[in-house]
Amino acid sequence: MAAVQIFVSEYLCSGAWTGSDIPASLAAEGQAMLLAFLDDLSKIDNCKIVTTWDTRLSDWTISNVTAFPINDPADEKTLFRKLAAESDITFVIAPEFDGILAQRARWVQEVGGNWAGCSCDAIELCADKLLFYQHCLKHDIPTIETHLLEGKIDLSKCEFPFVLKPRFGVGCEHTFVVQNQSDFEMIQSEFSSALNRQEMILQPFIPGQAASVAVLVSHENIRFEITPVAAQYFSSTAPLKYLGGKVPIPVSNRQSDAIHSVAFQMIESLPGLNAYCGIDLILPEDDTADPVIVELNPRLTSSYLGYRNICKQNLAERIIFPETQPGSCTWKNIETDFTV
């Protein structure tokens, strides 16, 4: 029987980046996810794994995965479409900003490939933080009040602390927590520069534990399961930097039930989700208060780095071949920290 060919593309490592320098924090996170996912896929019997690799990065290190070197973004686009057409499955790790993830989903569909990911409609809704907020309101899903900034901020109308972030963004790029007027004065120049380049939103700061869960979704919401809760760690400097996390973290039975309830509510409200999705949450300091959804990432997230270490099964295999993996994941009784 011929081997199943799986094409995995991680945007920032693929050779697609057009700038002279790849953003260090995003590149590190993307490379960590890609190498971990490829390592897990390479352990599946009767699979041939292929990817593309930016020659500006370090030398290729996974011997049983074929990496095609890319020197020019135009070459990456051509080879992406060719590999997507030739492969049995295409799995893409890419940010939602600038329509990158949705565009690659369309490329796979245009060449007749088999896209293992969320639908374009779901991706585009999740990429727009204002639209996502409106979706949550419509479906009575607890989330963070979100306002589009138009022009300069009038601090007299703001209640400290608050959060400023891009309407279309990923990770913590250009995200600021403003505790007081002095904070705002310190970040004003950088924030103004970001505002000149892109739309920004304002949200109230909600104190509590930054957390996340991953949801494994198969066959467009027919079957899904939720992973243990992970902590998220961020720098205390402005703008914020995502540092990684720990999984699992202890939560009360009431919190666990509430997290599962709001996660299921989120998944059921949004058709077109598939494979691996990350849900970012805030667990309020008051244990009796319900968790609040920050955003849904319709793609592999860095929490995969932690979950793969505590999952008793091959997590990549469960994502790519859900129909051959009956039952739910089982988890080791350990904690693991992960960084990007």
Protein backbone atom coordinates (compact mmCIF):
# COMPACT_ATOMS: atom_id res chain seq x y z
CA MET A 1 0.00 0.00 0.00
CA ALA A 2 1.36 3.42 -0.98
CA ALA A 3 2.39 5.75 1.83
CA VAL A 4 0.06 8.60 2.71
CA GLN A 5 1.77 11.89 1.89
CA ILE A 6 1.14 14.69 4.40
CA PHE A 7 2.23 18.21 3.52
CA VAL A 8 2.74 20.45 6.57
CA SER A 9 3.43 24.15 6.08
CA GLU A 10 4.29 26.63 8.83
CA TYR A 11 4.08 30.11 7.33
CA LEU A 12 6.96 31.83 9.09
CA CYS A 13 9.36 28.93 8.49
CA SER A 14 8.13 28.03 5.02
CA GLY A 15 9.98 30.67 3.00
CA ALA A 16 6.82 32.72 2.45
CA TRP A 17 7.89 35.69 4.59
CA THR A 18 8.64 38.64 2.30
CA GLY A 19 10.47 40.90 4.76
CA SER A 20 14.21 40.91 5.22
CA ASP A 21 13.93 39.76 8.83
CA ILE A 22 11.40 37.26 10.17
CA PRO A 23 9.85 38.58 13.46
CA ALA A 24 11.90 36.80 16.11
CA SER A 25 9.12 35.98 18.59
CA LEU A 26 6.69 34.70 15.97
CA ALA A 27 9.42 32.77 14.15
CA ALA A 28 10.50 31.05 17.37
CA GLU A 29 6.92 30.08 18.19
CA GLY A 30 6.24 28.88 14.65
CA GLN A 31 9.43 26.85 14.48
CA ALA A 32 8.74 25.21 17.84
CA MET A 33 5.24 24.16 16.76
CA LEU A 34 6.36 22.96 13.34
CA LEU A 35 9.25 20.83 14.54
CA ALA A 36 7.20 19.25 17.33
CA PHE A 37 4.28 18.46 15.02
CA LEU A 38 6.55 17.03 12.31
CA ASP A 39 8.42 14.91 14.86
CA ASP A 40 5.12 13.39 16.00
CA LEU A 41 3.85 12.82 12.45
CA SER A 42 7.13 11.14 11.49
CA LYS A 43 6.38 8.37 14.00
CA ILE A 44 3.18 7.31 12.21
CA ASP A 45 3.56 4.18 10.09
CA ASN A 46 3.16 4.39 6.31
CA CYS A 47 3.29 8.19 6.12
CA LYS A 48 5.57 10.38 4.02
CA ILE A 49 5.94 13.86 5.52
CA VAL A 50 6.98 16.87 3.42
CA THR A 51 7.41 20.56 4.21
CA THR A 52 9.20 23.70 2.96
CA TRP A 53 11.96 25.46 4.88
CA ASP A 54 13.29 29.03 4.72
CA THR A 55 17.03 28.91 4.03
CA ARG A 56 17.51 31.93 6.33
CA LEU A 57 16.78 29.64 9.27
CA SER A 58 19.02 27.01 10.85
CA ASP A 59 19.94 23.78 9.07
CA TRP A 60 17.22 21.15 8.72
CA THR A 61 17.42 18.53 11.48
CA ILE A 62 14.58 15.97 11.07
CA SER A 63 16.04 13.22 8.91
CA ASN A 64 12.80 11.35 8.15
CA VAL A 65 10.91 14.46 6.97
CA THR A 66 11.59 15.88 3.50
CA ALA A 67 12.13 19.66 3.68
CA PHE A 68 12.34 21.56 0.40
CA PRO A 69 14.64 24.63 0.78
CA ILE A 70 13.08 27.96 -0.19
CA ASN A 71 15.06 31.09 -1.09
CA ASP A 72 12.27 33.24 -2.51
CA PRO A 73 8.61 33.75 -1.45
CA ALA A 74 7.44 33.38 -5.07
CA ASP A 75 9.02 29.93 -5.16
CA GLU A 76 7.29 29.04 -1.90
CA LYS A 77 3.85 29.87 -3.32
CA THR A 78 4.47 27.75 -6.41
CA LEU A 79 5.78 24.80 -4.41
CA PHE A 80 3.00 25.15 -1.79
CA ARG A 81 0.34 24.72 -4.47
CA LYS A 82 2.24 21.84 -6.09
CA LEU A 83 2.70 19.93 -2.82
CA ALA A 84 -0.92 20.58 -1.80
CA ALA A 85 -2.11 19.13 -5.11
CA GLU A 86 0.18 16.09 -4.84
CA SER A 87 -0.36 15.31 -1.16
CA ASP A 88 -3.15 13.28 0.39
CA ILE A 89 -3.49 15.76 3.28
CA THR A 90 -2.36 19.38 3.74
CA PHE A 91 -2.04 20.83 7.25
CA VAL A 92 -1.12 24.50 7.66
CA ILE A 93 0.15 26.38 10.70
CA ALA A 94 -0.19 30.09 9.98
CA PRO A 95 -1.35 33.33 11.61
CA GLU A 96 -4.81 34.65 10.83
CA PHE A 97 -3.69 38.27 10.26
CA ASP A 98 -3.63 39.67 6.71
CA GLY A 99 -5.86 36.78 5.67
CA ILE A 100 -2.83 34.46 5.48
CA LEU A 101 -4.42 31.29 6.88
CA ALA A 102 -7.66 31.68 4.91
CA GLN A 103 -5.74 32.40 1.72
CA ARG A 104 -3.76 29.17 2.09
CA ALA A 105 -6.93 27.22 2.70
CA ARG A 106 -8.24 28.60 -0.61
CA TRP A 107 -5.03 27.65 -2.42
CA VAL A 108 -5.43 24.05 -1.27
CA GLN A 109 -9.03 24.01 -2.43
CA GLU A 110 -8.12 25.59 -5.80
CA VAL A 111 -5.63 22.81 -6.62
CA GLY A 112 -7.99 20.06 -5.47
CA GLY A 113 -6.08 19.23 -2.31
CA ASN A 114 -7.40 17.86 0.97
CA TRP A 115 -7.41 20.68 3.55
CA ALA A 116 -7.12 19.47 7.16
CA GLY A 117 -8.26 22.59 8.93
CA CYS A 118 -11.06 25.01 9.63
CA SER A 119 -13.24 26.52 6.91
CA CYS A 120 -12.39 29.92 5.44
CA ASP A 121 -15.53 31.44 6.99
CA ALA A 122 -14.56 30.23 10.47
CA ILE A 123 -10.98 31.43 10.05
CA GLU A 124 -12.05 34.89 8.91
CA LEU A 125 -14.52 35.32 11.76
CA CYS A 126 -11.92 34.36 14.37
CA ALA A 127 -9.28 36.60 12.77
CA ASP A 128 -11.40 39.70 13.33
CA LYS A 129 -11.52 40.38 17.08
CA LEU A 130 -14.40 42.84 16.70
CA LEU A 131 -16.46 40.42 14.60
CA PHE A 132 -15.62 37.61 17.04
CA TYR A 133 -16.88 39.75 19.93
CA GLN A 134 -20.14 40.40 18.08
CA HIS A 135 -20.50 36.67 17.39
CA CYS A 136 -20.09 35.88 21.08
CA LEU A 137 -22.69 38.50 22.03
CA LYS A 138 -25.15 37.02 19.53
CA HIS A 139 -24.73 33.55 21.04
CA ASP A 140 -24.65 34.64 24.71
CA ILE A 141 -21.04 33.48 25.12
CA PRO A 142 -19.18 35.27 27.94
CA THR A 143 -16.42 37.37 26.41
CA ILE A 144 -14.66 40.73 26.80
CA GLU A 145 -16.37 43.98 25.84
CA THR A 146 -14.58 45.22 22.71
CA HIS A 147 -14.55 48.65 21.08
CA LEU A 148 -12.94 49.76 17.84
CA LEU A 149 -10.64 52.75 18.28
CA GLU A 150 -11.25 55.59 15.87
CA GLY A 151 -8.62 58.28 16.20
CA LYS A 152 -6.82 59.14 19.41
CA ILE A 153 -7.80 57.77 22.81
CA ASP A 154 -9.67 60.11 25.14
CA LEU A 155 -8.29 59.00 28.51
CA SER A 156 -10.99 60.94 30.35
CA LYS A 157 -13.50 58.43 28.99
CA CYS A 158 -11.41 55.34 29.78
CA GLU A 159 -11.45 53.30 32.95
CA PHE A 160 -8.04 51.98 33.98
CA PRO A 161 -6.73 49.36 33.54
CA PHE A 162 -7.49 48.59 29.90
CA VAL A 163 -5.96 46.63 27.03
CA LEU A 164 -5.01 47.88 23.56
CA LYS A 165 -4.43 45.37 20.77
CA PRO A 166 -4.74 45.05 16.97
CA ARG A 167 -8.17 44.20 15.61
CA PHE A 168 -6.46 41.71 13.32
CA GLY A 169 -3.49 40.22 15.12
CA VAL A 170 -1.87 37.11 16.49
CA GLY A 171 0.03 36.36 19.67
CA CYS A 172 0.80 39.50 21.67
CA GLU A 173 2.08 41.59 18.80
CA HIS A 174 1.43 45.28 19.67
CA THR A 175 -0.67 44.39 22.73
CA PHE A 176 -0.51 46.79 25.69
CA VAL A 177 -1.93 46.61 29.21
CA VAL A 178 -2.42 50.20 30.42
CA GLN A 179 -2.65 50.48 34.20
CA ASN A 180 -2.70 54.29 34.50
CA GLN A 181 -1.94 57.52 32.67
CA SER A 182 1.79 57.16 33.31
CA ASP A 183 1.70 53.74 31.62
CA PHE A 184 -0.07 55.22 28.64
CA GLU A 185 2.47 58.03 28.30
CA MET A 186 5.28 55.45 28.23
CA ILE A 187 3.71 53.38 25.44
CA GLN A 188 2.06 56.25 23.54
CA SER A 189 4.70 56.51 20.81
CA GLU A 190 4.75 52.77 20.09
CA PHE A 191 0.97 52.55 20.30
CA SER A 192 0.51 55.52 17.95
CA SER A 193 2.84 53.89 15.46
CA ALA A 194 0.80 50.66 15.61
CA LEU A 195 -2.46 52.63 15.26
CA ASN A 196 -1.14 54.34 12.13
CA ARG A 197 -0.52 50.95 10.51
CA GLN A 198 -3.62 49.00 11.55
CA GLU A 199 -6.98 49.16 13.30
CA MET A 200 -6.76 48.81 17.07
CA ILE A 201 -9.33 47.81 19.66
CA LEU A 202 -9.81 48.64 23.33
CA GLN A 203 -10.94 46.15 25.98
CA PRO A 204 -11.28 46.38 29.77
CA PHE A 205 -8.61 44.48 31.68
CA ILE A 206 -10.08 41.48 33.50
CA PRO A 207 -7.93 40.26 36.41
CA GLY A 208 -7.51 36.53 36.72
CA GLN A 209 -5.56 33.55 35.42
CA ALA A 210 -4.78 33.64 31.71
CA ALA A 211 -5.53 30.13 30.50
CA SER A 212 -6.37 28.09 27.44
CA VAL A 213 -7.80 24.80 26.32
CA ALA A 214 -7.42 23.06 22.99
CA VAL A 215 -10.34 21.44 21.24
CA LEU A 216 -9.89 18.52 18.86
CA VAL A 217 -12.69 18.72 16.33
CA SER A 218 -13.46 16.11 13.69
CA HIS A 219 -15.90 16.11 10.80
CA GLU A 220 -17.13 19.67 11.30
CA ASN A 221 -18.27 19.56 14.90
CA ILE A 222 -19.65 15.98 14.80
CA ARG A 223 -17.15 14.90 17.47
CA PHE A 224 -14.95 17.04 19.65
CA GLU A 225 -13.05 16.78 22.91
CA ILE A 226 -11.47 19.34 25.21
CA THR A 227 -7.96 19.06 26.61
CA PRO A 228 -6.90 19.81 30.20
CA VAL A 229 -6.57 23.49 31.13
CA ALA A 230 -3.23 25.19 30.47
CA ALA A 231 -1.82 28.33 32.09
CA GLN A 232 -0.51 31.10 29.84
CA TYR A 233 2.54 33.15 30.83
CA PHE A 234 3.23 36.69 29.63
CA SER A 235 5.95 39.26 30.21
CA SER A 236 5.18 42.20 32.48
CA THR A 237 6.68 44.67 30.01
CA ALA A 238 4.87 46.61 27.28
CA PRO A 239 4.08 45.47 24.71
CA LEU A 240 3.25 42.05 26.11
CA LYS A 241 5.24 39.01 25.06
CA TYR A 242 3.89 35.47 25.21
CA LEU A 243 6.34 33.26 27.06
CA GLY A 244 4.67 29.84 27.07
CA GLY A 245 2.69 28.03 29.72
CA LYS A 246 2.10 25.01 31.92
CA VAL A 247 -0.30 22.12 31.54
CA PRO A 248 -2.34 21.00 33.33
CA ILE A 249 -3.15 23.51 36.04
CA PRO A 250 -5.44 22.74 38.97
CA VAL A 251 -8.99 24.05 38.69
CA SER A 252 -11.95 23.40 40.94
CA ASN A 253 -14.72 21.05 39.81
CA ARG A 254 -16.98 24.05 39.38
CA GLN A 255 -14.39 25.84 37.23
CA SER A 256 -13.79 22.71 35.16
CA ASP A 257 -17.49 22.30 34.46
CA ALA A 258 -17.80 25.99 33.57
CA ILE A 259 -14.79 25.85 31.22
CA HIS A 260 -16.19 22.80 29.42
CA SER A 261 -19.60 24.43 29.19
CA VAL A 262 -18.36 27.66 27.63
CA ALA A 263 -15.94 25.82 25.31
CA PHE A 264 -18.70 23.52 24.04
CA GLN A 265 -20.96 26.53 23.63
CA MET A 266 -18.26 28.27 21.58
CA ILE A 267 -17.58 25.28 19.34
CA GLU A 268 -21.25 24.55 18.73
CA SER A 269 -21.92 28.19 17.81
CA LEU A 270 -19.35 28.24 15.00
CA PRO A 271 -19.70 25.85 12.03
CA GLY A 272 -16.61 24.97 10.03
CA LEU A 273 -14.19 24.25 12.87
CA ASN A 274 -11.97 21.25 12.33
CA ALA A 275 -8.77 19.55 13.56
CA TYR A 276 -7.12 21.57 16.36
CA CYS A 277 -8.43 24.86 17.77
CA GLY A 278 -7.16 26.83 20.75
CA ILE A 279 -9.51 28.76 23.04
CA ASP A 280 -7.94 31.48 25.18
CA LEU A 281 -9.73 32.18 28.45
CA ILE A 282 -9.53 34.25 31.59
CA LEU A 283 -10.38 32.46 34.82
CA PRO A 284 -11.54 35.30 37.12
CA GLU A 285 -9.98 35.67 40.55
CA ASP A 286 -13.41 34.98 42.06
CA ASP A 287 -13.73 31.20 41.84
CA THR A 288 -17.52 31.50 41.65
CA ALA A 289 -17.36 33.67 38.50
CA ASP A 290 -17.60 32.06 35.07
CA PRO A 291 -14.61 31.95 32.70
CA VAL A 292 -14.49 34.51 29.91
CA ILE A 293 -13.43 33.70 26.35
CA VAL A 294 -10.73 35.99 24.95
CA GLU A 295 -10.43 34.50 21.47
CA LEU A 296 -10.53 31.32 19.43
CA ASN A 297 -7.51 30.36 17.32
CA PRO A 298 -8.63 28.18 14.37
CA ARG A 299 -5.24 26.50 14.01
CA LEU A 300 -2.48 24.74 15.90
CA THR A 301 -1.27 26.84 18.83
CA SER A 302 1.85 26.67 20.97
CA SER A 303 -0.06 24.84 23.69
CA TYR A 304 0.50 21.79 21.48
CA LEU A 305 4.06 21.79 22.84
CA GLY A 306 2.72 21.03 26.30
CA TYR A 307 -0.15 18.74 25.37
CA ARG A 308 2.03 16.40 23.30
CA ASN A 309 4.14 15.75 26.41
CA ILE A 310 1.23 14.66 28.59
CA CYS A 311 -0.92 12.87 26.00
CA LYS A 312 -0.64 9.07 26.12
CA GLN A 313 -1.45 8.89 22.42
CA ASN A 314 0.27 10.47 19.42
CA LEU A 315 -1.54 13.80 19.41
CA ALA A 316 -0.60 14.63 15.81
CA GLU A 317 -2.06 11.33 14.64
CA ARG A 318 -5.34 12.08 16.45
CA ILE A 319 -5.52 15.47 14.73
CA ILE A 320 -4.74 14.23 11.21
CA PHE A 321 -6.55 10.87 11.34
CA PRO A 322 -9.45 11.35 13.79
CA GLU A 323 -11.57 8.68 12.11
CA THR A 324 -9.00 5.99 13.05
CA GLN A 325 -8.75 7.13 16.68
CA PRO A 326 -11.80 5.97 18.66
CA GLY A 327 -12.42 7.20 22.18
CA SER A 328 -10.94 10.24 23.87
CA CYS A 329 -7.35 11.18 24.61
CA THR A 330 -5.92 9.98 27.90
CA TRP A 331 -3.44 12.08 29.83
CA LYS A 332 -0.41 11.35 31.97
CA ASN A 333 -0.54 12.42 35.61
CA ILE A 334 2.27 14.95 35.23
CA GLU A 335 2.71 18.69 34.78
CA THR A 336 4.83 20.10 32.00
CA ASP A 337 6.07 23.61 31.31
CA PHE A 338 6.57 24.75 27.73
CA THR A 339 8.14 27.79 26.14
CA VAL A 340 8.29 29.10 22.61
